[in-house]
């Protein structure tokens, strides 16, 4: 099963009006597919924040699968 890094991002403005991306939560998820990894991370995020909709706390979901080099180092 593949491992995916999933992050929940919120864009916020500072006191000068400049936008910054703030990570609200990050998960490493074992799943058979990217779609399933995001679904599991969304469920974990909602459970952690005690909400039914993750978009209350975040604007976007970022994800990535480890590269072959990263997998080799982990072995």
N, C-alpha and C. Protein backbone atom coordinates (compact mmCIF):
# COMPACT_ATOMS: atom_id res chain seq x y z
N UNK A 1 0.85 -1.17 0.00
CA UNK A 1 0.00 0.00 0.00
C UNK A 1 0.90 1.24 0.00
N UNK A 2 0.51 2.24 -0.75
CA UNK A 2 1.31 3.46 -0.89
C UNK A 2 1.08 4.39 0.29
N UNK A 3 2.05 5.25 0.50
CA UNK A 3 1.98 6.25 1.56
C UNK A 3 1.88 7.63 0.90
N UNK A 4 0.97 8.46 1.39
CA UNK A 4 0.76 9.79 0.83
C UNK A 4 0.86 10.83 1.94
N UNK A 5 1.46 11.97 1.64
CA UNK A 5 1.47 13.11 2.55
C UNK A 5 0.33 14.03 2.14
N UNK A 6 -0.56 14.35 3.09
CA UNK A 6 -1.72 15.19 2.81
C UNK A 6 -1.70 16.36 3.79
N UNK A 7 -1.82 17.58 3.25
CA UNK A 7 -1.82 18.78 4.09
C UNK A 7 -3.07 19.60 3.81
N UNK A 8 -3.62 20.20 4.85
CA UNK A 8 -4.78 21.08 4.73
C UNK A 8 -4.28 22.51 4.90
N UNK A 9 -4.56 23.35 3.90
CA UNK A 9 -4.01 24.70 3.81
C UNK A 9 -5.11 25.75 3.91
N UNK A 10 -4.83 26.81 4.65
CA UNK A 10 -5.73 27.98 4.75
C UNK A 10 -4.94 29.21 4.31
N UNK A 11 -5.49 30.00 3.42
CA UNK A 11 -4.87 31.25 3.01
C UNK A 11 -5.36 32.35 3.94
N UNK A 12 -4.41 33.03 4.57
CA UNK A 12 -4.75 34.08 5.53
C UNK A 12 -4.01 35.37 5.14
N UNK A 13 -4.56 36.50 5.55
CA UNK A 13 -3.94 37.79 5.28
C UNK A 13 -3.26 38.30 6.54
N UNK A 14 -2.09 38.92 6.37
CA UNK A 14 -1.45 39.54 7.52
C UNK A 14 -1.96 40.97 7.67
N UNK A 15 -1.41 41.71 8.61
CA UNK A 15 -1.92 43.06 8.89
C UNK A 15 -1.63 44.05 7.76
N UNK A 16 -0.78 43.67 6.78
CA UNK A 16 -0.52 44.55 5.64
C UNK A 16 -1.31 44.14 4.41
N UNK A 17 -2.14 43.09 4.54
CA UNK A 17 -2.96 42.64 3.43
C UNK A 17 -2.31 41.58 2.54
N UNK A 18 -1.11 41.17 2.88
CA UNK A 18 -0.44 40.13 2.10
C UNK A 18 -0.95 38.75 2.49
N UNK A 19 -1.17 37.92 1.49
CA UNK A 19 -1.68 36.57 1.75
C UNK A 19 -0.53 35.61 2.06
N UNK A 20 -0.81 34.69 2.97
CA UNK A 20 0.14 33.64 3.35
C UNK A 20 -0.62 32.33 3.45
N UNK A 21 0.06 31.25 3.12
CA UNK A 21 -0.55 29.92 3.21
C UNK A 21 -0.14 29.30 4.54
N UNK A 22 -1.13 28.95 5.33
CA UNK A 22 -0.89 28.35 6.65
C UNK A 22 -1.37 26.90 6.65
N UNK A 23 -0.50 26.00 7.07
CA UNK A 23 -0.88 24.60 7.17
C UNK A 23 -1.71 24.40 8.43
N UNK A 24 -2.92 23.90 8.27
CA UNK A 24 -3.83 23.67 9.40
C UNK A 24 -3.64 22.29 10.00
N UNK A 25 -3.20 21.31 9.18
CA UNK A 25 -2.94 19.95 9.65
C UNK A 25 -2.22 19.20 8.55
N UNK A 26 -1.43 18.21 8.95
CA UNK A 26 -0.72 17.37 8.00
C UNK A 26 -0.84 15.92 8.44
N UNK A 27 -1.06 15.05 7.47
CA UNK A 27 -1.22 13.62 7.74
C UNK A 27 -0.38 12.82 6.76
N UNK A 28 0.18 11.73 7.21
CA UNK A 28 0.76 10.72 6.33
C UNK A 28 -0.22 9.56 6.36
N UNK A 29 -0.72 9.20 5.19
CA UNK A 29 -1.80 8.22 5.09
C UNK A 29 -1.37 7.05 4.22
N UNK A 30 -1.61 5.86 4.71
CA UNK A 30 -1.41 4.64 3.91
C UNK A 30 -2.75 4.35 3.23
N UNK A 31 -2.72 4.24 1.89
CA UNK A 31 -3.95 3.98 1.15
C UNK A 31 -3.62 3.37 -0.20
N UNK A 32 -4.58 2.66 -0.79
CA UNK A 32 -4.33 2.04 -2.10
C UNK A 32 -4.31 3.03 -3.26
N UNK A 33 -4.88 4.23 -3.05
CA UNK A 33 -4.91 5.23 -4.13
C UNK A 33 -4.88 6.63 -3.53
N UNK A 34 -4.57 7.59 -4.38
CA UNK A 34 -4.56 8.99 -3.94
C UNK A 34 -5.94 9.43 -3.50
N UNK A 35 -6.96 9.04 -4.24
CA UNK A 35 -8.33 9.40 -3.88
C UNK A 35 -8.69 8.90 -2.49
N UNK A 36 -8.34 7.67 -2.21
CA UNK A 36 -8.63 7.09 -0.89
C UNK A 36 -7.80 7.76 0.20
N UNK A 37 -6.57 8.12 -0.12
CA UNK A 37 -5.71 8.80 0.87
C UNK A 37 -6.32 10.15 1.27
N UNK A 38 -6.79 10.91 0.29
CA UNK A 38 -7.40 12.21 0.58
C UNK A 38 -8.69 12.00 1.38
N UNK A 39 -9.50 11.01 1.01
CA UNK A 39 -10.74 10.74 1.74
C UNK A 39 -10.44 10.41 3.20
N UNK A 40 -9.44 9.57 3.44
CA UNK A 40 -9.07 9.21 4.81
C UNK A 40 -8.53 10.40 5.59
N UNK A 41 -7.72 11.22 4.93
CA UNK A 41 -7.17 12.41 5.60
C UNK A 41 -8.29 13.40 5.94
N UNK A 42 -9.25 13.58 5.03
CA UNK A 42 -10.38 14.46 5.31
C UNK A 42 -11.17 13.96 6.52
N UNK A 43 -11.39 12.66 6.59
CA UNK A 43 -12.12 12.09 7.73
C UNK A 43 -11.34 12.29 9.03
N UNK A 44 -10.02 12.08 8.99
CA UNK A 44 -9.18 12.29 10.18
C UNK A 44 -9.20 13.75 10.61
N UNK A 45 -9.10 14.66 9.64
CA UNK A 45 -9.10 16.09 9.94
C UNK A 45 -10.42 16.49 10.61
N UNK A 46 -11.53 16.04 10.04
CA UNK A 46 -12.85 16.37 10.61
C UNK A 46 -13.00 15.80 12.01
N UNK A 47 -12.53 14.58 12.22
CA UNK A 47 -12.61 13.96 13.54
C UNK A 47 -11.76 14.75 14.55
N UNK A 48 -10.57 15.15 14.12
CA UNK A 48 -9.66 15.89 14.99
C UNK A 48 -10.22 17.27 15.37
N UNK A 49 -10.87 17.93 14.42
CA UNK A 49 -11.41 19.28 14.66
C UNK A 49 -12.87 19.26 15.14
N UNK A 50 -13.48 18.08 15.20
CA UNK A 50 -14.88 17.93 15.63
C UNK A 50 -15.84 18.72 14.73
N UNK A 51 -15.64 18.56 13.41
CA UNK A 51 -16.51 19.21 12.42
C UNK A 51 -16.94 18.18 11.39
N UNK A 52 -17.94 18.53 10.60
CA UNK A 52 -18.40 17.64 9.53
C UNK A 52 -17.86 18.06 8.17
N UNK A 53 -17.31 19.27 8.07
CA UNK A 53 -16.84 19.80 6.79
C UNK A 53 -15.47 20.44 7.00
N UNK A 54 -14.43 19.88 6.41
CA UNK A 54 -13.07 20.37 6.62
C UNK A 54 -12.86 21.77 6.07
N UNK A 55 -13.72 22.23 5.14
CA UNK A 55 -13.53 23.56 4.55
C UNK A 55 -13.83 24.69 5.52
N UNK A 56 -14.32 24.36 6.69
CA UNK A 56 -14.49 25.38 7.73
C UNK A 56 -13.12 25.90 8.18
N UNK A 57 -12.11 25.01 8.19
CA UNK A 57 -10.78 25.36 8.68
C UNK A 57 -9.73 25.49 7.58
N UNK A 58 -10.00 25.01 6.38
CA UNK A 58 -8.99 25.02 5.32
C UNK A 58 -9.63 25.36 3.98
N UNK A 59 -8.79 25.90 3.08
CA UNK A 59 -9.24 26.26 1.74
C UNK A 59 -8.88 25.20 0.71
N UNK A 60 -7.83 24.45 0.99
CA UNK A 60 -7.31 23.52 -0.02
C UNK A 60 -6.66 22.32 0.64
N UNK A 61 -6.55 21.27 -0.15
CA UNK A 61 -5.84 20.06 0.27
C UNK A 61 -4.66 19.89 -0.69
N UNK A 62 -3.47 19.74 -0.13
CA UNK A 62 -2.29 19.43 -0.92
C UNK A 62 -1.90 17.98 -0.64
N UNK A 63 -1.38 17.32 -1.63
CA UNK A 63 -0.98 15.93 -1.42
C UNK A 63 0.21 15.61 -2.29
N UNK A 64 0.96 14.60 -1.85
CA UNK A 64 2.04 14.10 -2.68
C UNK A 64 2.38 12.69 -2.23
N UNK A 65 2.84 11.93 -3.19
CA UNK A 65 3.33 10.58 -2.92
C UNK A 65 4.85 10.68 -2.85
N UNK A 66 5.48 9.92 -1.99
CA UNK A 66 6.95 9.95 -1.91
C UNK A 66 7.57 9.52 -3.24
N UNK A 67 8.68 10.13 -3.57
CA UNK A 67 9.39 9.76 -4.79
C UNK A 67 10.08 8.41 -4.60
N UNK A 68 10.55 7.84 -5.67
CA UNK A 68 11.26 6.56 -5.60
C UNK A 68 12.49 6.68 -4.71
N UNK A 69 13.20 7.81 -4.77
CA UNK A 69 14.39 8.01 -3.95
C UNK A 69 14.02 8.04 -2.46
N UNK A 70 12.93 8.73 -2.12
CA UNK A 70 12.49 8.77 -0.72
C UNK A 70 12.09 7.38 -0.23
N UNK A 71 11.43 6.61 -1.09
CA UNK A 71 11.05 5.24 -0.71
C UNK A 71 12.29 4.37 -0.49
N UNK A 72 13.31 4.57 -1.31
CA UNK A 72 14.55 3.79 -1.19
C UNK A 72 15.25 4.11 0.12
N UNK A 73 15.28 5.38 0.51
CA UNK A 73 15.91 5.78 1.76
C UNK A 73 15.17 5.23 2.97
N UNK A 74 13.86 5.11 2.85
CA UNK A 74 13.04 4.61 3.96
C UNK A 74 13.23 3.11 4.19
N UNK A 75 13.67 2.41 3.16
CA UNK A 75 13.83 0.94 3.27
C UNK A 75 15.06 0.56 4.03
